[in-house]
Amino acid sequence: MINCSMPSVADLEKLLAAAPGDTFLLYGLAQAHAGNGRHDLALACYDRCLAADPSYCYAYFHKARSLEALARPAEAAATLRAGASAAREAGDLHALAEISSYLDEIAP
């Protein structure tokens, strides 16, 4: 049987210790923190991911979700606008559509 469970926060932190700029690991750790309701920690990881790779489009989307969970809608909308710009620049039309749809939901 294959174990398809999400790595733990501790596992991801150990991997990041060896590769601190790995955007996939940073994004995964952010997702793990968000899944645990630790949106403050998730934001820090999303920010590190985006600092390392500003074109990591889904980090904007999920960072906005964490900001919204923390009752920071204006920052969430600004994050989505930045993500839409990054997606447009990267030519990632799927990410652009999802980010734009989410922005339409939360921004007047």
N, C-alpha and C. Protein backbone atom coordinates (compact mmCIF):
# COMPACT_ATOMS: atom_id res chain seq x y z
N MET A 1 0.84 -1.17 0.00
CA MET A 1 0.00 0.00 0.00
C MET A 1 0.89 1.24 0.00
N ILE A 2 0.52 2.22 -0.78
CA ILE A 2 1.28 3.47 -0.88
C ILE A 2 0.74 4.47 0.13
N ASN A 3 1.63 5.10 0.86
CA ASN A 3 1.25 6.14 1.81
C ASN A 3 1.29 7.48 1.10
N CYS A 4 0.13 8.11 0.92
CA CYS A 4 0.03 9.39 0.20
C CYS A 4 -0.26 10.54 1.15
N SER A 5 0.05 10.38 2.41
CA SER A 5 -0.25 11.44 3.37
C SER A 5 0.71 12.61 3.20
N MET A 6 0.25 13.76 3.62
CA MET A 6 1.03 14.98 3.57
C MET A 6 2.17 14.88 4.57
N PRO A 7 3.38 15.32 4.17
CA PRO A 7 4.48 15.33 5.15
C PRO A 7 4.14 16.25 6.32
N SER A 8 4.65 15.94 7.47
CA SER A 8 4.38 16.76 8.65
C SER A 8 5.17 18.06 8.57
N VAL A 9 4.77 19.00 9.38
CA VAL A 9 5.49 20.27 9.49
C VAL A 9 6.94 19.99 9.86
N ALA A 10 7.16 19.09 10.80
CA ALA A 10 8.52 18.77 11.23
C ALA A 10 9.34 18.19 10.08
N ASP A 11 8.73 17.31 9.29
CA ASP A 11 9.42 16.73 8.14
C ASP A 11 9.81 17.82 7.14
N LEU A 12 8.87 18.71 6.85
CA LEU A 12 9.15 19.78 5.89
C LEU A 12 10.22 20.73 6.41
N GLU A 13 10.19 21.03 7.70
CA GLU A 13 11.21 21.91 8.28
C GLU A 13 12.60 21.27 8.19
N LYS A 14 12.68 19.96 8.39
CA LYS A 14 13.97 19.26 8.26
C LYS A 14 14.48 19.35 6.83
N LEU A 15 13.59 19.14 5.87
CA LEU A 15 13.99 19.25 4.47
C LEU A 15 14.42 20.67 4.12
N LEU A 16 13.71 21.66 4.67
CA LEU A 16 14.07 23.06 4.40
C LEU A 16 15.40 23.46 5.02
N ALA A 17 15.76 22.82 6.11
CA ALA A 17 17.05 23.11 6.72
C ALA A 17 18.18 22.81 5.75
N ALA A 18 17.98 21.79 4.92
CA ALA A 18 19.00 21.41 3.93
C ALA A 18 18.88 22.23 2.64
N ALA A 19 17.69 22.78 2.39
CA ALA A 19 17.47 23.54 1.14
C ALA A 19 16.56 24.73 1.44
N PRO A 20 17.07 25.74 2.15
CA PRO A 20 16.23 26.83 2.64
C PRO A 20 15.52 27.67 1.58
N GLY A 21 15.99 27.64 0.37
CA GLY A 21 15.36 28.43 -0.68
C GLY A 21 14.46 27.62 -1.60
N ASP A 22 14.19 26.37 -1.26
CA ASP A 22 13.39 25.50 -2.12
C ASP A 22 11.93 25.95 -2.08
N THR A 23 11.46 26.51 -3.19
CA THR A 23 10.11 27.07 -3.22
C THR A 23 9.03 26.00 -3.04
N PHE A 24 9.26 24.82 -3.57
CA PHE A 24 8.28 23.74 -3.40
C PHE A 24 8.12 23.39 -1.93
N LEU A 25 9.22 23.31 -1.21
CA LEU A 25 9.17 23.00 0.22
C LEU A 25 8.55 24.16 1.01
N LEU A 26 8.92 25.39 0.65
CA LEU A 26 8.34 26.55 1.34
C LEU A 26 6.83 26.60 1.16
N TYR A 27 6.39 26.35 -0.08
CA TYR A 27 4.96 26.34 -0.37
C TYR A 27 4.29 25.20 0.40
N GLY A 28 4.90 24.03 0.42
CA GLY A 28 4.34 22.90 1.15
C GLY A 28 4.24 23.17 2.64
N LEU A 29 5.26 23.80 3.19
CA LEU A 29 5.22 24.14 4.61
C LEU A 29 4.14 25.17 4.89
N ALA A 30 4.01 26.15 4.01
CA ALA A 30 2.95 27.15 4.17
C ALA A 30 1.58 26.47 4.15
N GLN A 31 1.40 25.54 3.22
CA GLN A 31 0.13 24.82 3.12
C GLN A 31 -0.14 24.00 4.38
N ALA A 32 0.90 23.38 4.90
CA ALA A 32 0.76 22.59 6.13
C ALA A 32 0.36 23.49 7.30
N HIS A 33 1.02 24.64 7.43
CA HIS A 33 0.66 25.57 8.51
C HIS A 33 -0.78 26.05 8.34
N ALA A 34 -1.15 26.42 7.12
CA ALA A 34 -2.52 26.89 6.88
C ALA A 34 -3.52 25.79 7.22
N GLY A 35 -3.21 24.57 6.84
CA GLY A 35 -4.08 23.44 7.14
C GLY A 35 -4.25 23.20 8.63
N ASN A 36 -3.24 23.60 9.39
CA ASN A 36 -3.30 23.48 10.85
C ASN A 36 -3.88 24.72 11.51
N GLY A 37 -4.34 25.67 10.68
CA GLY A 37 -4.92 26.90 11.23
C GLY A 37 -3.90 27.92 11.68
N ARG A 38 -2.63 27.69 11.37
CA ARG A 38 -1.55 28.62 11.76
C ARG A 38 -1.25 29.57 10.60
N HIS A 39 -2.20 30.43 10.30
CA HIS A 39 -2.08 31.32 9.14
C HIS A 39 -0.95 32.33 9.29
N ASP A 40 -0.62 32.69 10.52
CA ASP A 40 0.51 33.59 10.74
C ASP A 40 1.80 32.95 10.25
N LEU A 41 2.00 31.68 10.58
CA LEU A 41 3.19 30.97 10.13
C LEU A 41 3.13 30.70 8.63
N ALA A 42 1.93 30.42 8.13
CA ALA A 42 1.77 30.19 6.69
C ALA A 42 2.18 31.43 5.91
N LEU A 43 1.76 32.61 6.37
CA LEU A 43 2.11 33.85 5.66
C LEU A 43 3.61 34.03 5.54
N ALA A 44 4.32 33.74 6.60
CA ALA A 44 5.78 33.88 6.56
C ALA A 44 6.38 32.95 5.51
N CYS A 45 5.86 31.75 5.40
CA CYS A 45 6.37 30.80 4.41
C CYS A 45 5.98 31.20 2.99
N TYR A 46 4.74 31.66 2.81
CA TYR A 46 4.35 32.14 1.48
C TYR A 46 5.24 33.31 1.06
N ASP A 47 5.51 34.21 2.01
CA ASP A 47 6.38 35.35 1.69
C ASP A 47 7.79 34.90 1.30
N ARG A 48 8.32 33.91 2.01
CA ARG A 48 9.65 33.39 1.65
C ARG A 48 9.62 32.73 0.28
N CYS A 49 8.56 32.01 -0.01
CA CYS A 49 8.41 31.36 -1.32
C CYS A 49 8.37 32.41 -2.42
N LEU A 50 7.58 33.45 -2.23
CA LEU A 50 7.44 34.49 -3.25
C LEU A 50 8.70 35.34 -3.38
N ALA A 51 9.45 35.49 -2.30
CA ALA A 51 10.72 36.21 -2.39
C ALA A 51 11.71 35.42 -3.23
N ALA A 52 11.66 34.10 -3.09
CA ALA A 52 12.57 33.24 -3.86
C ALA A 52 12.12 33.11 -5.32
N ASP A 53 10.80 33.13 -5.55
CA ASP A 53 10.27 32.99 -6.91
C ASP A 53 8.96 33.77 -7.03
N PRO A 54 9.04 35.02 -7.46
CA PRO A 54 7.83 35.85 -7.57
C PRO A 54 6.80 35.33 -8.59
N SER A 55 7.15 34.34 -9.38
CA SER A 55 6.20 33.79 -10.34
C SER A 55 5.51 32.53 -9.83
N TYR A 56 5.66 32.20 -8.57
CA TYR A 56 5.02 31.02 -7.97
C TYR A 56 3.56 31.40 -7.70
N CYS A 57 2.75 31.35 -8.73
CA CYS A 57 1.41 31.94 -8.74
C CYS A 57 0.48 31.46 -7.64
N TYR A 58 0.49 30.16 -7.36
CA TYR A 58 -0.46 29.66 -6.36
C TYR A 58 -0.09 30.07 -4.94
N ALA A 59 1.13 30.52 -4.73
CA ALA A 59 1.48 31.04 -3.41
C ALA A 59 0.70 32.33 -3.14
N TYR A 60 0.46 33.13 -4.18
CA TYR A 60 -0.35 34.34 -4.01
C TYR A 60 -1.79 33.96 -3.63
N PHE A 61 -2.33 32.99 -4.36
CA PHE A 61 -3.71 32.56 -4.12
C PHE A 61 -3.89 32.10 -2.67
N HIS A 62 -3.01 31.22 -2.22
CA HIS A 62 -3.18 30.67 -0.87
C HIS A 62 -2.73 31.65 0.21
N LYS A 63 -1.81 32.53 -0.11
CA LYS A 63 -1.48 33.59 0.84
C LYS A 63 -2.71 34.46 1.07
N ALA A 64 -3.43 34.76 0.00
CA ALA A 64 -4.66 35.54 0.14
C ALA A 64 -5.68 34.81 1.01
N ARG A 65 -5.77 33.50 0.88
CA ARG A 65 -6.69 32.72 1.72
C ARG A 65 -6.31 32.85 3.20
N SER A 66 -5.01 32.80 3.48
CA SER A 66 -4.57 32.96 4.87
C SER A 66 -4.85 34.36 5.37
N LEU A 67 -4.63 35.36 4.52
CA LEU A 67 -4.93 36.74 4.93
C LEU A 67 -6.42 36.90 5.20
N GLU A 68 -7.24 36.30 4.35
CA GLU A 68 -8.68 36.38 4.56
C GLU A 68 -9.07 35.67 5.87
N ALA A 69 -8.44 34.55 6.16
CA ALA A 69 -8.71 33.82 7.40
C ALA A 69 -8.34 34.65 8.62
N LEU A 70 -7.38 35.55 8.45
CA LEU A 70 -6.94 36.42 9.54
C LEU A 70 -7.69 37.76 9.53
N ALA A 71 -8.78 37.82 8.75
CA ALA A 71 -9.62 39.02 8.66
C ALA A 71 -8.84 40.23 8.15
N ARG A 72 -8.05 39.99 7.09
CA ARG A 72 -7.26 41.06 6.47
C ARG A 72 -7.61 41.11 4.97
N PRO A 73 -8.88 41.46 4.66
CA PRO A 73 -9.35 41.39 3.28
C PRO A 73 -8.66 42.35 2.31
N ALA A 74 -8.30 43.52 2.76
CA ALA A 74 -7.62 44.47 1.86
C ALA A 74 -6.26 43.92 1.43
N GLU A 75 -5.54 43.31 2.37
CA GLU A 75 -4.24 42.71 2.05
C GLU A 75 -4.42 41.49 1.16
N ALA A 76 -5.50 40.74 1.39
CA ALA A 76 -5.78 39.58 0.54
C ALA A 76 -6.02 40.03 -0.90
N ALA A 77 -6.81 41.08 -1.08
CA ALA A 77 -7.10 41.59 -2.42
C ALA A 77 -5.82 42.10 -3.09
N ALA A 78 -4.98 42.80 -2.34
CA ALA A 78 -3.71 43.31 -2.90
C ALA A 78 -2.82 42.14 -3.32
N THR A 79 -2.81 41.09 -2.51
CA THR A 79 -2.02 39.90 -2.83
C THR A 79 -2.53 39.25 -4.11
N LEU A 80 -3.85 39.17 -4.26
CA LEU A 80 -4.42 38.58 -5.47
C LEU A 80 -4.12 39.43 -6.70
N ARG A 81 -4.13 40.74 -6.55
CA ARG A 81 -3.77 41.61 -7.69
C ARG A 81 -2.32 41.36 -8.11
N ALA A 82 -1.45 41.24 -7.13
CA ALA A 82 -0.04 40.95 -7.44
C ALA A 82 0.08 39.57 -8.09
N GLY A 83 -0.69 38.60 -7.61
CA GLY A 83 -0.68 37.26 -8.18
C GLY A 83 -1.20 37.24 -9.60
N ALA A 84 -2.23 38.03 -9.87
CA ALA A 84 -2.76 38.10 -11.23
C ALA A 84 -1.72 38.68 -12.18
N SER A 85 -1.02 39.68 -11.72
CA SER A 85 0.04 40.28 -12.52
C SER A 85 1.15 39.27 -12.79
N ALA A 86 1.55 38.53 -11.76
CA ALA A 86 2.59 37.52 -11.92
C ALA A 86 2.14 36.41 -12.87
N ALA A 87 0.89 35.99 -12.76
CA ALA A 87 0.36 34.94 -13.62
C ALA A 87 0.31 35.41 -15.08
N ARG A 88 -0.11 36.66 -15.26
CA ARG A 88 -0.15 37.23 -16.61
C ARG A 88 1.25 37.26 -17.22
N GLU A 89 2.20 37.71 -16.43
CA GLU A 89 3.59 37.80 -16.89
C GLU A 89 4.17 36.42 -17.20
N ALA A 90 3.79 35.43 -16.41
CA ALA A 90 4.30 34.07 -16.61
C ALA A 90 3.53 33.32 -17.71
N GLY A 91 2.42 33.90 -18.14
CA GLY A 91 1.60 33.23 -19.14
C GLY A 91 0.82 32.05 -18.58
N ASP A 92 0.60 32.04 -17.27
CA ASP A 92 -0.13 30.95 -16.62
C ASP A 92 -1.61 31.32 -16.59
N LEU A 93 -2.32 30.98 -17.64
CA LEU A 93 -3.72 31.37 -17.78
C LEU A 93 -4.63 30.67 -16.78
N HIS A 94 -4.28 29.45 -16.41
CA HIS A 94 -5.10 28.73 -15.41
C HIS A 94 -5.01 29.42 -14.06
N ALA A 95 -3.80 29.74 -13.64
CA ALA A 95 -3.63 30.45 -12.36
C ALA A 95 -4.29 31.82 -12.43
N LEU A 96 -4.14 32.51 -13.55
CA LEU A 96 -4.75 33.82 -13.71
C LEU A 96 -6.26 33.73 -13.54
N ALA A 97 -6.88 32.72 -14.15
CA ALA A 97 -8.34 32.56 -14.04
C ALA A 97 -8.75 32.30 -12.60
N GLU A 98 -8.03 31.44 -11.90
CA GLU A 98 -8.39 31.13 -10.51
C GLU A 98 -8.17 32.33 -9.59
N ILE A 99 -7.07 33.01 -9.77
CA ILE A 99 -6.77 34.18 -8.96
C ILE A 99 -7.79 35.28 -9.22
N SER A 100 -8.11 35.51 -10.48
CA SER A 100 -9.08 36.55 -10.84
C SER A 100 -10.46 36.23 -10.28
N SER A 101 -10.85 34.97 -10.35
CA SER A 101 -12.14 34.55 -9.82
C SER A 101 -12.21 34.78 -8.31
N TYR A 102 -11.16 34.44 -7.62
CA TYR A 102 -11.11 34.65 -6.17
C TYR A 102 -11.14 36.14 -5.86
N LEU A 103 -10.41 36.93 -6.62
CA LEU A 103 -10.42 38.39 -6.41
C LEU A 103 -11.83 38.94 -6.61
N ASP A 104 -12.54 38.46 -7.61
CA ASP A 104 -13.92 38.90 -7.85
C ASP A 104 -14.81 38.57 -6.66
N GLU A 105 -14.53 37.46 -5.98
CA GLU A 105 -15.34 37.06 -4.82
C GLU A 105 -15.14 37.99 -3.63
N ILE A 106 -13.91 38.47 -3.45
CA ILE A 106 -13.63 39.21 -2.19
C ILE A 106 -13.51 40.72 -2.37
N ALA A 107 -13.31 41.19 -3.59
CA ALA A 107 -13.13 42.63 -3.80
C ALA A 107 -14.35 43.20 -4.49
N PRO A 108 -14.81 44.32 -4.01
CA PRO A 108 -15.98 44.97 -4.63
C PRO A 108 -15.66 45.51 -6.01
